[in-house]
Amino acid sequence: METRRLGKSDLEVSALGFGCMGLSFAYGPAMEKQAAIALLRTAFESGVTFFDTAEAYGPFANEELVGEALAPIRDRVVIATKFGFKNGRPDQGLDSRPERIRQVTEESLRRLGTDHIDLLYQHRVDRDVPIEDVAGTVRDLIHEGKVRHFGLSEAGVESIRRAHAVQPVTALQSEYSLWWREPERQVLPVLEELGIGFVPFSPLGRGFLTGAIDESVSFAADDFRNRLPRFAPEARKANQALVDRVRSVAADKNVTPAQIALAWLLAQRPWIVPIPGTTKAHRLEENLAAASVELTASDLSTIDEALAGITVQGARYPASLSKHTDR
């Protein structure tokens, strides 16, 4: 797989990364440990060098899993993790106090079984802690050799600028896909201006853009999509129009809807690195094949025209989670 550089930094990663969250958190029962380890190693053998985790995934279990899976190849992969929630639990609110950042870093290093974190993100902007203090703390951790690069997640343009002035931000991780294009309005131009890479999470719309989820699909009781307004049955029914058009474009290219969704993201900027996640080997193979799908300017225009006029129904998050976004 080709590699990409995140912005103007020296951090080079595979064009597609692997979002590890779903292996142990959010999408129903955790994957069996040895099967998850095997999947992560298969991803590496298939060209993936960029793996994304966080203390909050589990919490804590995902970092331990990723650390064990990647231990034999640690010097050949880039591991990103995150701090920012109280006690590592999103339902307890935010906590990016400098002392908490240091504590999380030490605990993440231990769980990952490594002496450095390649990319350390603030998981969500904490309005109770000046972003300059956050950036300064990570800057110090970089000077100490415990962290190599600083990232933000779901940050707005003001936070990005203020943080970047203290410690250069290597990457912003935020949701971006064919059904959530808000970053195009303000965020992408600022990232281009400042030389910051972009790592879209949920590039397949939490599975919806694969075409495998319709209004009749039932999720596991502990699948967090049950809480998302965009995944209510009536919203899924309304949003099927978008998937139908993506499916039509995919058929013309003789690829799958998921591959169109990922190839479209890769075509937006050379410093964009999506991180699709999966628990299935055949989905991993399908996703990674998207890196070889070439979309011409005409293809991209066709996609834009096909989706023009479609308004996605349903909020991205319920109100309890929306308050954590920095907008």
C-alpha atoms as a PDB file:
ATOM      1  CA  MET A   1       0.000   0.000   0.000  1.00  0.00           C
ATOM      2  CA  GLU A   2       1.176   3.516  -0.725  1.00  0.00           C
ATOM      3  CA  THR A   3       2.052   5.755   2.188  1.00  0.00           C
ATOM      4  CA  ARG A   4       1.041   9.288   3.022  1.00  0.00           C
ATOM      5  CA  ARG A   5       2.594  12.024   5.106  1.00  0.00           C
ATOM      6  CA  LEU A   6       0.354  13.661   7.693  1.00  0.00           C
ATOM      7  CA  GLY A   7       0.528  17.325   6.789  1.00  0.00           C
ATOM      8  CA  LYS A   8       3.982  18.889   6.879  1.00  0.00           C
ATOM      9  CA  SER A   9       5.193  16.536   9.603  1.00  0.00           C
ATOM     10  CA  ASP A  10       7.656  13.688   9.157  1.00  0.00           C
ATOM     11  CA  LEU A  11       5.006  11.157  10.202  1.00  0.00           C
ATOM     12  CA  GLU A  12       4.500   8.773   7.284  1.00  0.00           C
ATOM     13  CA  VAL A  13       1.760   6.142   7.468  1.00  0.00           C
ATOM     14  CA  SER A  14      -0.171   3.783   5.224  1.00  0.00           C
ATOM     15  CA  ALA A  15      -2.809   5.520   3.094  1.00  0.00           C
ATOM     16  CA  LEU A  16      -5.471   3.661   5.071  1.00  0.00           C
ATOM     17  CA  GLY A  17      -5.119   3.051   8.775  1.00  0.00           C
ATOM     18  CA  PHE A  18      -7.034   0.725  11.078  1.00  0.00           C
ATOM     19  CA  GLY A  19      -9.513   2.076  13.625  1.00  0.00           C
ATOM     20  CA  CYS A  20      -9.283  -0.391  16.507  1.00  0.00           C
ATOM     21  CA  MET A  21     -12.194   0.827  18.657  1.00  0.00           C
ATOM     22  CA  GLY A  22     -14.763  -1.670  17.413  1.00  0.00           C
ATOM     23  CA  LEU A  23     -12.623  -4.650  18.369  1.00  0.00           C
ATOM     24  CA  SER A  24     -13.504  -4.142  22.012  1.00  0.00           C
ATOM     25  CA  PHE A  25     -15.905  -1.216  22.375  1.00  0.00           C
ATOM     26  CA  ALA A  26     -19.105   0.426  21.133  1.00  0.00           C
ATOM     27  CA  TYR A  27     -20.317  -2.005  18.468  1.00  0.00           C
ATOM     28  CA  GLY A  28     -21.642  -4.877  20.542  1.00  0.00           C
ATOM     29  CA  PRO A  29     -19.699  -7.679  22.284  1.00  0.00           C
ATOM     30  CA  ALA A  30     -15.920  -7.434  22.215  1.00  0.00           C
ATOM     31  CA  MET A  31     -14.140  -9.578  19.669  1.00  0.00           C
ATOM     32  CA  GLU A  32     -12.427 -12.705  20.992  1.00  0.00           C
ATOM     33  CA  LYS A  33      -8.885 -11.669  21.910  1.00  0.00           C
ATOM     34  CA  GLN A  34      -6.833 -14.052  19.785  1.00  0.00           C
ATOM     35  CA  ALA A  35      -9.060 -13.454  16.780  1.00  0.00           C
ATOM     36  CA  ALA A  36      -8.624  -9.699  17.201  1.00  0.00           C
ATOM     37  CA  ILE A  37      -4.852 -10.061  17.470  1.00  0.00           C
ATOM     38  CA  ALA A  38      -4.834 -12.173  14.315  1.00  0.00           C
ATOM     39  CA  LEU A  39      -6.900  -9.551  12.476  1.00  0.00           C
ATOM     40  CA  LEU A  40      -4.554  -6.728  13.463  1.00  0.00           C
ATOM     41  CA  ARG A  41      -1.542  -8.712  12.328  1.00  0.00           C
ATOM     42  CA  THR A  42      -3.286  -9.515   9.056  1.00  0.00           C
ATOM     43  CA  ALA A  43      -3.860  -5.798   8.588  1.00  0.00           C
ATOM     44  CA  PHE A  44      -0.141  -5.177   9.017  1.00  0.00           C
ATOM     45  CA  GLU A  45       0.767  -7.967   6.618  1.00  0.00           C
ATOM     46  CA  SER A  46      -1.618  -6.351   4.120  1.00  0.00           C
ATOM     47  CA  GLY A  47       0.210  -3.021   4.311  1.00  0.00           C
ATOM     48  CA  VAL A  48      -1.393  -1.145   7.219  1.00  0.00           C
ATOM     49  CA  THR A  49       1.124   0.665   9.418  1.00  0.00           C
ATOM     50  CA  PHE A  50      -1.207   3.078  11.248  1.00  0.00           C
ATOM     51  CA  PHE A  51      -3.292   1.828  14.180  1.00  0.00           C
ATOM     52  CA  ASP A  52      -5.678   3.980  16.215  1.00  0.00           C
ATOM     53  CA  THR A  53      -6.741   3.260  19.791  1.00  0.00           C
ATOM     54  CA  ALA A  54      -7.608   5.157  23.001  1.00  0.00           C
ATOM     55  CA  GLU A  55      -7.762   4.632  26.747  1.00  0.00           C
ATOM     56  CA  ALA A  56     -11.532   5.172  26.519  1.00  0.00           C
ATOM     57  CA  TYR A  57     -12.065   2.165  24.266  1.00  0.00           C
ATOM     58  CA  GLY A  58     -13.097  -0.527  26.690  1.00  0.00           C
ATOM     59  CA  PRO A  59     -12.048   1.431  28.635  1.00  0.00           C
ATOM     60  CA  PHE A  60      -8.391   0.391  28.667  1.00  0.00           C
ATOM     61  CA  ALA A  61      -8.863  -3.060  27.082  1.00  0.00           C
ATOM     62  CA  ASN A  62      -8.308  -1.815  23.544  1.00  0.00           C
ATOM     63  CA  GLU A  63      -4.859  -0.404  24.284  1.00  0.00           C
ATOM     64  CA  GLU A  64      -3.812  -3.681  25.906  1.00  0.00           C
ATOM     65  CA  LEU A  65      -5.060  -5.610  22.881  1.00  0.00           C
ATOM     66  CA  VAL A  66      -3.310  -3.331  20.407  1.00  0.00           C
ATOM     67  CA  GLY A  67      -0.098  -3.415  22.409  1.00  0.00           C
ATOM     68  CA  GLU A  68      -0.009  -7.204  22.475  1.00  0.00           C
ATOM     69  CA  ALA A  69      -0.925  -7.564  18.804  1.00  0.00           C
ATOM     70  CA  LEU A  70       1.686  -5.112  17.573  1.00  0.00           C
ATOM     71  CA  ALA A  71       4.508  -5.969  19.992  1.00  0.00           C
ATOM     72  CA  PRO A  72       6.425  -8.137  17.477  1.00  0.00           C
ATOM     73  CA  ILE A  73       6.306  -5.358  14.861  1.00  0.00           C
ATOM     74  CA  ARG A  74       6.375  -2.297  17.112  1.00  0.00           C
ATOM     75  CA  ASP A  75       9.260  -0.646  15.257  1.00  0.00           C
ATOM     76  CA  ARG A  76       7.382  -0.870  11.948  1.00  0.00           C
ATOM     77  CA  VAL A  77       4.035   0.623  12.937  1.00  0.00           C
ATOM     78  CA  VAL A  78       2.611   3.939  14.095  1.00  0.00           C
ATOM     79  CA  ILE A  79       0.343   3.794  17.142  1.00  0.00           C
ATOM     80  CA  ALA A  80      -2.047   6.632  17.950  1.00  0.00           C
ATOM     81  CA  THR A  81      -3.890   6.867  21.247  1.00  0.00           C
ATOM     82  CA  LYS A  82      -5.857   9.496  23.141  1.00  0.00           C
ATOM     83  CA  PHE A  83      -6.487  11.198  26.469  1.00  0.00           C
ATOM     84  CA  GLY A  84      -9.300  13.483  27.534  1.00  0.00           C
ATOM     85  CA  PHE A  85     -12.086  11.720  29.442  1.00  0.00           C
ATOM     86  CA  LYS A  86     -12.438  11.471  33.212  1.00  0.00           C
ATOM     87  CA  ASN A  87     -11.122   8.099  34.323  1.00  0.00           C
ATOM     88  CA  GLY A  88     -11.081   7.056  30.682  1.00  0.00           C
ATOM     89  CA  ARG A  89     -14.895   6.965  30.602  1.00  0.00           C
ATOM     90  CA  PRO A  90     -16.768   9.226  28.171  1.00  0.00           C
ATOM     91  CA  ASP A  91     -19.930   9.131  30.305  1.00  0.00           C
ATOM     92  CA  GLN A  92     -18.043  10.829  33.152  1.00  0.00           C
ATOM     93  CA  GLY A  93     -17.148  13.935  31.187  1.00  0.00           C
ATOM     94  CA  LEU A  94     -13.928  15.574  30.086  1.00  0.00           C
ATOM     95  CA  ASP A  95     -10.600  15.933  31.857  1.00  0.00           C
ATOM     96  CA  SER A  96      -7.549  17.358  30.090  1.00  0.00           C
ATOM     97  CA  ARG A  97      -5.793  18.822  33.106  1.00  0.00           C
ATOM     98  CA  PRO A  98      -2.005  18.635  32.633  1.00  0.00           C
ATOM     99  CA  GLU A  99      -1.607  16.175  35.509  1.00  0.00           C
ATOM    100  CA  ARG A 100      -4.283  13.944  33.974  1.00  0.00           C
ATOM    101  CA  ILE A 101      -2.579  14.045  30.564  1.00  0.00           C
ATOM    102  CA  ARG A 102       0.663  12.898  32.177  1.00  0.00           C
ATOM    103  CA  GLN A 103      -1.096  10.148  34.093  1.00  0.00           C
ATOM    104  CA  VAL A 104      -2.876   8.858  31.000  1.00  0.00           C
ATOM    105  CA  THR A 105       0.360   8.919  29.006  1.00  0.00           C
ATOM    106  CA  GLU A 106       2.175   6.785  31.560  1.00  0.00           C
ATOM    107  CA  GLU A 107      -0.717   4.337  31.787  1.00  0.00           C
ATOM    108  CA  SER A 108      -1.066   4.138  27.999  1.00  0.00           C
ATOM    109  CA  LEU A 109       2.656   3.469  27.602  1.00  0.00           C
ATOM    110  CA  ARG A 110       2.331   0.601  30.057  1.00  0.00           C
ATOM    111  CA  ARG A 111      -0.764  -0.886  28.445  1.00  0.00           C
ATOM    112  CA  LEU A 112       0.707  -0.576  24.966  1.00  0.00           C
ATOM    113  CA  GLY A 113       3.987  -2.081  26.123  1.00  0.00           C
ATOM    114  CA  THR A 114       6.038   0.628  24.459  1.00  0.00           C
ATOM    115  CA  ASP A 115       8.424   3.418  25.402  1.00  0.00           C
ATOM    116  CA  HIS A 116       6.791   6.047  23.208  1.00  0.00           C
ATOM    117  CA  ILE A 117       3.442   7.018  21.705  1.00  0.00           C
ATOM    118  CA  ASP A 118       3.756   7.973  18.055  1.00  0.00           C
ATOM    119  CA  LEU A 119       0.688  10.236  17.979  1.00  0.00           C
ATOM    120  CA  LEU A 120      -1.115  11.441  21.098  1.00  0.00           C
ATOM    121  CA  TYR A 121      -4.516  13.038  20.556  1.00  0.00           C
ATOM    122  CA  GLN A 122      -6.672  15.089  22.854  1.00  0.00           C
ATOM    123  CA  HIS A 123      -9.872  13.044  22.440  1.00  0.00           C
ATOM    124  CA  ARG A 124     -12.189  16.027  22.827  1.00  0.00           C
ATOM    125  CA  VAL A 125     -11.537  19.685  23.585  1.00  0.00           C
ATOM    126  CA  ASP A 126     -12.008  20.417  27.297  1.00  0.00           C
ATOM    127  CA  ARG A 127     -13.402  23.918  27.691  1.00  0.00           C
ATOM    128  CA  ASP A 128     -12.364  23.964  31.358  1.00  0.00           C
ATOM    129  CA  VAL A 129      -8.659  23.682  30.465  1.00  0.00           C
ATOM    130  CA  PRO A 130      -6.969  26.253  28.194  1.00  0.00           C
ATOM    131  CA  ILE A 131      -5.900  24.528  24.990  1.00  0.00           C
ATOM    132  CA  GLU A 132      -2.512  26.208  25.428  1.00  0.00           C
ATOM    133  CA  ASP A 133      -2.001  24.228  28.642  1.00  0.00           C
ATOM    134  CA  VAL A 134      -2.921  21.018  26.844  1.00  0.00           C
ATOM    135  CA  ALA A 135      -0.553  21.707  23.957  1.00  0.00           C
ATOM    136  CA  GLY A 136       2.194  22.750  26.349  1.00  0.00           C
ATOM    137  CA  THR A 137       1.900  19.540  28.331  1.00  0.00           C
ATOM    138  CA  VAL A 138       2.138  17.406  25.200  1.00  0.00           C
ATOM    139  CA  ARG A 139       5.061  19.545  24.021  1.00  0.00           C
ATOM    140  CA  ASP A 140       6.861  18.685  27.248  1.00  0.00           C
ATOM    141  CA  LEU A 141       6.088  14.988  26.804  1.00  0.00           C
ATOM    142  CA  ILE A 142       7.545  15.199  23.296  1.00  0.00           C
ATOM    143  CA  HIS A 143      10.712  16.777  24.682  1.00  0.00           C
ATOM    144  CA  GLU A 144      10.913  13.942  27.197  1.00  0.00           C
ATOM    145  CA  GLY A 145      10.707  11.347  24.406  1.00  0.00           C
ATOM    146  CA  LYS A 146       7.455   9.789  25.624  1.00  0.00           C
ATOM    147  CA  VAL A 147       5.399  11.180  22.729  1.00  0.00           C
ATOM    148  CA  ARG A 148       6.433  11.949  19.169  1.00  0.00           C
ATOM    149  CA  HIS A 149       3.483  13.838  17.678  1.00  0.00           C
ATOM    150  CA  PHE A 150       0.510  15.862  18.941  1.00  0.00           C
ATOM    151  CA  GLY A 151      -3.015  15.519  17.611  1.00  0.00           C
ATOM    152  CA  LEU A 152      -6.498  16.874  18.240  1.00  0.00           C
ATOM    153  CA  SER A 153      -9.862  15.186  17.736  1.00  0.00           C
ATOM    154  CA  GLU A 154     -13.129  16.912  16.820  1.00  0.00           C
ATOM    155  CA  ALA A 155     -11.530  20.296  17.471  1.00  0.00           C
ATOM    156  CA  GLY A 156     -12.846  23.514  15.954  1.00  0.00           C
ATOM    157  CA  VAL A 157     -10.715  25.991  14.023  1.00  0.00           C
ATOM    158  CA  GLU A 158     -10.040  28.326  16.959  1.00  0.00           C
ATOM    159  CA  SER A 159      -8.783  25.476  19.133  1.00  0.00           C
ATOM    160  CA  ILE A 160      -6.655  24.168  16.286  1.00  0.00           C
ATOM    161  CA  ARG A 161      -4.993  27.528  15.744  1.00  0.00           C
ATOM    162  CA  ARG A 162      -4.367  28.160  19.438  1.00  0.00           C
ATOM    163  CA  ALA A 163      -2.933  24.696  20.049  1.00  0.00           C
ATOM    164  CA  HIS A 164      -0.788  24.789  16.916  1.00  0.00           C
ATOM    165  CA  ALA A 165       0.798  28.060  18.058  1.00  0.00           C
ATOM    166  CA  VAL A 166       2.160  26.287  21.163  1.00  0.00           C
ATOM    167  CA  GLN A 167       2.993  22.844  19.764  1.00  0.00           C
ATOM    168  CA  PRO A 168       2.623  22.015  16.071  1.00  0.00           C
ATOM    169  CA  VAL A 169      -0.387  19.774  15.541  1.00  0.00           C
ATOM    170  CA  THR A 170       0.472  16.823  13.315  1.00  0.00           C
ATOM    171  CA  ALA A 171      -3.068  15.574  12.729  1.00  0.00           C
ATOM    172  CA  LEU A 172      -6.703  16.308  13.386  1.00  0.00           C
ATOM    173  CA  GLN A 173      -9.004  13.327  13.755  1.00  0.00           C
ATOM    174  CA  SER A 174     -12.685  14.035  13.124  1.00  0.00           C
ATOM    175  CA  GLU A 175     -15.638  12.373  11.512  1.00  0.00           C
ATOM    176  CA  TYR A 176     -15.703  12.846   7.741  1.00  0.00           C
ATOM    177  CA  SER A 177     -17.442  10.805   5.089  1.00  0.00           C
ATOM    178  CA  LEU A 178     -19.898  10.993   2.229  1.00  0.00           C
ATOM    179  CA  TRP A 179     -22.660  11.465   4.790  1.00  0.00           C
ATOM    180  CA  TRP A 180     -20.858  13.899   7.118  1.00  0.00           C
ATOM    181  CA  ARG A 181     -19.070  16.590   5.135  1.00  0.00           C
ATOM    182  CA  GLU A 182     -19.069  19.427   7.655  1.00  0.00           C
ATOM    183  CA  PRO A 183     -15.221  19.543   7.854  1.00  0.00           C
ATOM    184  CA  GLU A 184     -15.154  20.863   4.286  1.00  0.00           C
ATOM    185  CA  ARG A 185     -16.682  24.169   5.367  1.00  0.00           C
ATOM    186  CA  GLN A 186     -14.014  25.501   7.727  1.00  0.00           C
ATOM    187  CA  VAL A 187     -11.715  22.780   9.004  1.00  0.00           C
ATOM    188  CA  LEU A 188     -10.070  21.499   5.818  1.00  0.00           C
ATOM    189  CA  PRO A 189      -8.965  24.970   4.657  1.00  0.00           C
ATOM    190  CA  VAL A 190      -7.333  25.633   8.038  1.00  0.00           C
ATOM    191  CA  LEU A 191      -5.563  22.271   8.018  1.00  0.00           C
ATOM    192  CA  GLU A 192      -4.230  22.999   4.540  1.00  0.00           C
ATOM    193  CA  GLU A 193      -3.060  26.448   5.622  1.00  0.00           C
ATOM    194  CA  LEU A 194      -1.248  25.154   8.706  1.00  0.00           C
ATOM    195  CA  GLY A 195       0.087  21.932   7.205  1.00  0.00           C
ATOM    196  CA  ILE A 196      -1.864  19.564   9.458  1.00  0.00           C
ATOM    197  CA  GLY A 197      -2.891  16.077   8.365  1.00  0.00           C
ATOM    198  CA  PHE A 198      -6.468  14.837   8.589  1.00  0.00           C
ATOM    199  CA  VAL A 199      -7.560  11.432   9.884  1.00  0.00           C
ATOM    200  CA  PRO A 200     -11.260  10.792   9.221  1.00  0.00           C
ATOM    201  CA  PHE A 201     -12.924   8.410  11.651  1.00  0.00           C
ATOM    202  CA  SER A 202     -16.150   6.603  10.738  1.00  0.00           C
ATOM    203  CA  PRO A 203     -15.254   6.975   7.044  1.00  0.00           C
ATOM    204  CA  LEU A 204     -17.930   4.393   6.230  1.00  0.00           C
ATOM    205  CA  GLY A 205     -20.617   6.167   8.236  1.00  0.00           C
ATOM    206  CA  ARG A 206     -20.401   3.627  11.081  1.00  0.00           C
ATOM    207  CA  GLY A 207     -21.149   0.929   8.538  1.00  0.00           C
ATOM    208  CA  PHE A 208     -24.090   2.608   6.830  1.00  0.00           C
ATOM    209  CA  LEU A 209     -22.193   3.460   3.636  1.00  0.00           C
ATOM    210  CA  THR A 210     -21.354  -0.194   3.051  1.00  0.00           C
ATOM    211  CA  GLY A 211     -24.975  -0.769   2.061  1.00  0.00           C
ATOM    212  CA  ALA A 212     -25.305  -3.581   4.588  1.00  0.00           C
ATOM    213  CA  ILE A 213     -27.518  -1.636   7.030  1.00  0.00           C
ATOM    214  CA  ASP A 214     -31.125  -0.812   6.270  1.00  0.00           C
ATOM    215  CA  GLU A 215     -34.155   0.054   8.399  1.00  0.00           C
ATOM    216  CA  SER A 216     -34.749  -3.601   9.272  1.00  0.00           C
ATOM    217  CA  VAL A 217     -31.321  -4.298  10.768  1.00  0.00           C
ATOM    218  CA  SER A 218     -31.226  -4.784  14.547  1.00  0.00           C
ATOM    219  CA  PHE A 219     -28.095  -3.921  16.517  1.00  0.00           C
ATOM    220  CA  ALA A 220     -26.790  -5.696  19.603  1.00  0.00           C
ATOM    221  CA  ALA A 221     -28.170  -4.312  22.859  1.00  0.00           C
ATOM    222  CA  ASP A 222     -24.841  -2.668  23.741  1.00  0.00           C
ATOM    223  CA  ASP A 223     -24.172  -1.261  20.254  1.00  0.00           C
ATOM    224  CA  PHE A 224     -23.981   2.505  20.666  1.00  0.00           C
ATOM    225  CA  ARG A 225     -25.652   3.072  17.304  1.00  0.00           C
ATOM    226  CA  ASN A 226     -28.889   2.369  19.142  1.00  0.00           C
ATOM    227  CA  ARG A 227     -28.408   5.789  20.759  1.00  0.00           C
ATOM    228  CA  LEU A 228     -27.638   7.731  17.585  1.00  0.00           C
ATOM    229  CA  PRO A 229     -30.542   9.637  16.005  1.00  0.00           C
ATOM    230  CA  ARG A 230     -29.060   9.017  12.554  1.00  0.00           C
ATOM    231  CA  PHE A 231     -29.532   5.272  13.082  1.00  0.00           C
ATOM    232  CA  ALA A 232     -33.156   5.377  14.166  1.00  0.00           C
ATOM    233  CA  PRO A 233     -35.165   3.153  11.788  1.00  0.00           C
ATOM    234  CA  GLU A 234     -36.990   6.097  10.215  1.00  0.00           C
ATOM    235  CA  ALA A 235     -33.687   7.926   9.618  1.00  0.00           C
ATOM    236  CA  ARG A 236     -32.118   4.837   8.088  1.00  0.00           C
ATOM    237  CA  LYS A 237     -35.074   4.516   5.762  1.00  0.00           C
ATOM    238  CA  ALA A 238     -34.764   8.146   4.676  1.00  0.00           C
ATOM    239  CA  ASN A 239     -30.974   7.932   4.305  1.00  0.00           C
ATOM    240  CA  GLN A 240     -31.172   4.861   2.088  1.00  0.00           C
ATOM    241  CA  ALA A 241     -31.368   7.218  -0.901  1.00  0.00           C
ATOM    242  CA  LEU A 242     -27.752   8.230  -0.326  1.00  0.00           C
ATOM    243  CA  VAL A 243     -26.560   4.627  -0.165  1.00  0.00           C
ATOM    244  CA  ASP A 244     -28.529   3.760  -3.285  1.00  0.00           C
ATOM    245  CA  ARG A 245     -26.696   6.450  -5.238  1.00  0.00           C
ATOM    246  CA  VAL A 246     -23.307   5.391  -3.892  1.00  0.00           C
ATOM    247  CA  ARG A 247     -24.173   1.807  -4.842  1.00  0.00           C
ATOM    248  CA  SER A 248     -24.997   2.933  -8.383  1.00  0.00           C
ATOM    249  CA  VAL A 249     -21.631   4.692  -8.754  1.00  0.00           C
ATOM    250  CA  ALA A 250     -19.873   1.632  -7.338  1.00  0.00           C
ATOM    251  CA  ALA A 251     -21.581  -0.653  -9.835  1.00  0.00           C
ATOM    252  CA  ASP A 252     -20.370   1.507 -12.714  1.00  0.00           C
ATOM    253  CA  LYS A 253     -16.794   1.215 -11.410  1.00  0.00           C
ATOM    254  CA  ASN A 254     -17.187  -2.503 -10.615  1.00  0.00           C
ATOM    255  CA  VAL A 255     -16.287  -1.943  -6.966  1.00  0.00           C
ATOM    256  CA  THR A 256     -18.254  -1.936  -3.702  1.00  0.00           C
ATOM    257  CA  PRO A 257     -19.996   1.024  -2.030  1.00  0.00           C
ATOM    258  CA  ALA A 258     -17.457   0.880   0.818  1.00  0.00           C
ATOM    259  CA  GLN A 259     -14.607   1.133  -1.652  1.00  0.00           C
ATOM    260  CA  ILE A 260     -16.187   4.166  -3.303  1.00  0.00           C
ATOM    261  CA  ALA A 261     -16.636   5.835   0.096  1.00  0.00           C
ATOM    262  CA  LEU A 262     -12.987   5.283   1.052  1.00  0.00           C
ATOM    263  CA  ALA A 263     -11.563   6.120  -2.368  1.00  0.00           C
ATOM    264  CA  TRP A 264     -13.584   9.343  -2.351  1.00  0.00           C
ATOM    265  CA  LEU A 265     -11.958  10.381   0.928  1.00  0.00           C
ATOM    266  CA  LEU A 266      -8.471   9.526  -0.336  1.00  0.00           C
ATOM    267  CA  ALA A 267      -9.112  11.660  -3.420  1.00  0.00           C
ATOM    268  CA  GLN A 268     -10.002  14.784  -1.423  1.00  0.00           C
ATOM    269  CA  ARG A 269      -6.462  15.630  -0.238  1.00  0.00           C
ATOM    270  CA  PRO A 270      -3.088  13.826  -0.317  1.00  0.00           C
ATOM    271  CA  TRP A 271      -2.739  14.298   3.448  1.00  0.00           C
ATOM    272  CA  ILE A 272      -6.012  12.578   4.380  1.00  0.00           C
ATOM    273  CA  VAL A 273      -5.692   9.113   5.968  1.00  0.00           C
ATOM    274  CA  PRO A 274      -9.021   7.404   6.797  1.00  0.00           C
ATOM    275  CA  ILE A 275      -9.108   4.791   9.565  1.00  0.00           C
ATOM    276  CA  PRO A 276     -11.898   2.314   8.838  1.00  0.00           C
ATOM    277  CA  GLY A 277     -12.401  -0.390  11.423  1.00  0.00           C
ATOM    278  CA  THR A 278     -13.808  -3.884  11.156  1.00  0.00           C
ATOM    279  CA  THR A 279     -13.982  -7.202  12.970  1.00  0.00           C
ATOM    280  CA  LYS A 280     -14.110  -9.287   9.788  1.00  0.00           C
ATOM    281  CA  ALA A 281     -11.191 -10.376   7.610  1.00  0.00           C
ATOM    282  CA  HIS A 282     -13.165 -10.123   4.365  1.00  0.00           C
ATOM    283  CA  ARG A 283     -14.213  -6.556   5.212  1.00  0.00           C
ATOM    284  CA  LEU A 284     -10.584  -5.691   5.947  1.00  0.00           C
ATOM    285  CA  GLU A 285      -9.600  -6.996   2.519  1.00  0.00           C
ATOM    286  CA  GLU A 286     -12.426  -5.047   0.898  1.00  0.00           C
ATOM    287  CA  ASN A 287     -11.497  -1.829   2.691  1.00  0.00           C
ATOM    288  CA  LEU A 288      -7.806  -2.019   1.873  1.00  0.00           C
ATOM    289  CA  ALA A 289      -8.537  -2.644  -1.787  1.00  0.00           C
ATOM    290  CA  ALA A 290     -10.073   0.832  -1.859  1.00  0.00           C
ATOM    291  CA  ALA A 291      -6.557   2.291  -1.806  1.00  0.00           C
ATOM    292  CA  SER A 292      -6.171   1.009  -5.373  1.00  0.00           C
ATOM    293  CA  VAL A 293      -9.434   2.478  -6.653  1.00  0.00           C
ATOM    294  CA  GLU A 294      -8.690   5.537  -8.755  1.00  0.00           C
ATOM    295  CA  LEU A 295     -11.361   8.179  -9.026  1.00  0.00           C
ATOM    296  CA  THR A 296     -10.950  10.700 -11.826  1.00  0.00           C
ATOM    297  CA  ALA A 297     -12.132  14.287 -11.687  1.00  0.00           C
ATOM    298  CA  SER A 298     -15.097  13.131 -13.734  1.00  0.00           C
ATOM    299  CA  ASP A 299     -15.833  10.350 -11.236  1.00  0.00           C
ATOM    300  CA  LEU A 300     -15.720  12.813  -8.352  1.00  0.00           C
ATOM    301  CA  SER A 301     -18.077  15.173 -10.190  1.00  0.00           C
ATOM    302  CA  THR A 302     -20.432  12.270 -10.839  1.00  0.00           C
ATOM    303  CA  ILE A 303     -20.452  11.414  -7.132  1.00  0.00           C
ATOM    304  CA  ASP A 304     -21.091  15.018  -6.120  1.00  0.00           C
ATOM    305  CA  GLU A 305     -23.901  15.313  -8.640  1.00  0.00           C
ATOM    306  CA  ALA A 306     -25.401  12.011  -7.528  1.00  0.00           C
ATOM    307  CA  LEU A 307     -25.496  13.134  -3.903  1.00  0.00           C
ATOM    308  CA  ALA A 308     -26.520  16.740  -4.535  1.00  0.00           C
ATOM    309  CA  GLY A 309     -29.840  17.561  -3.000  1.00  0.00           C
ATOM    310  CA  ILE A 310     -29.805  14.675  -0.545  1.00  0.00           C
ATOM    311  CA  THR A 311     -30.065  15.854   3.048  1.00  0.00           C
ATOM    312  CA  VAL A 312     -29.003  13.219   5.550  1.00  0.00           C
ATOM    313  CA  GLN A 313     -31.649  12.726   8.209  1.00  0.00           C
ATOM    314  CA  GLY A 314     -30.942  12.440  11.925  1.00  0.00           C
ATOM    315  CA  ALA A 315     -28.437  14.134  14.210  1.00  0.00           C
ATOM    316  CA  ARG A 316     -24.946  12.689  14.388  1.00  0.00           C
ATOM    317  CA  TYR A 317     -25.046  12.353  18.186  1.00  0.00           C
ATOM    318  CA  PRO A 318     -27.691  12.614  20.908  1.00  0.00           C
ATOM    319  CA  ALA A 319     -27.586  15.811  22.955  1.00  0.00           C
ATOM    320  CA  SER A 320     -25.637  14.107  25.771  1.00  0.00           C
ATOM    321  CA  LEU A 321     -22.697  13.508  23.429  1.00  0.00           C
ATOM    322  CA  SER A 322     -23.029  16.575  21.219  1.00  0.00           C
ATOM    323  CA  LYS A 323     -21.881  18.745  24.102  1.00  0.00           C
ATOM    324  CA  HIS A 324     -18.411  17.206  23.727  1.00  0.00           C
ATOM    325  CA  THR A 325     -17.901  18.557  20.228  1.00  0.00           C
ATOM    326  CA  ASP A 326     -15.882  21.754  19.804  1.00  0.00           C
ATOM    327  CA  ARG A 327     -18.019  23.788  17.433  1.00  0.00           C
END
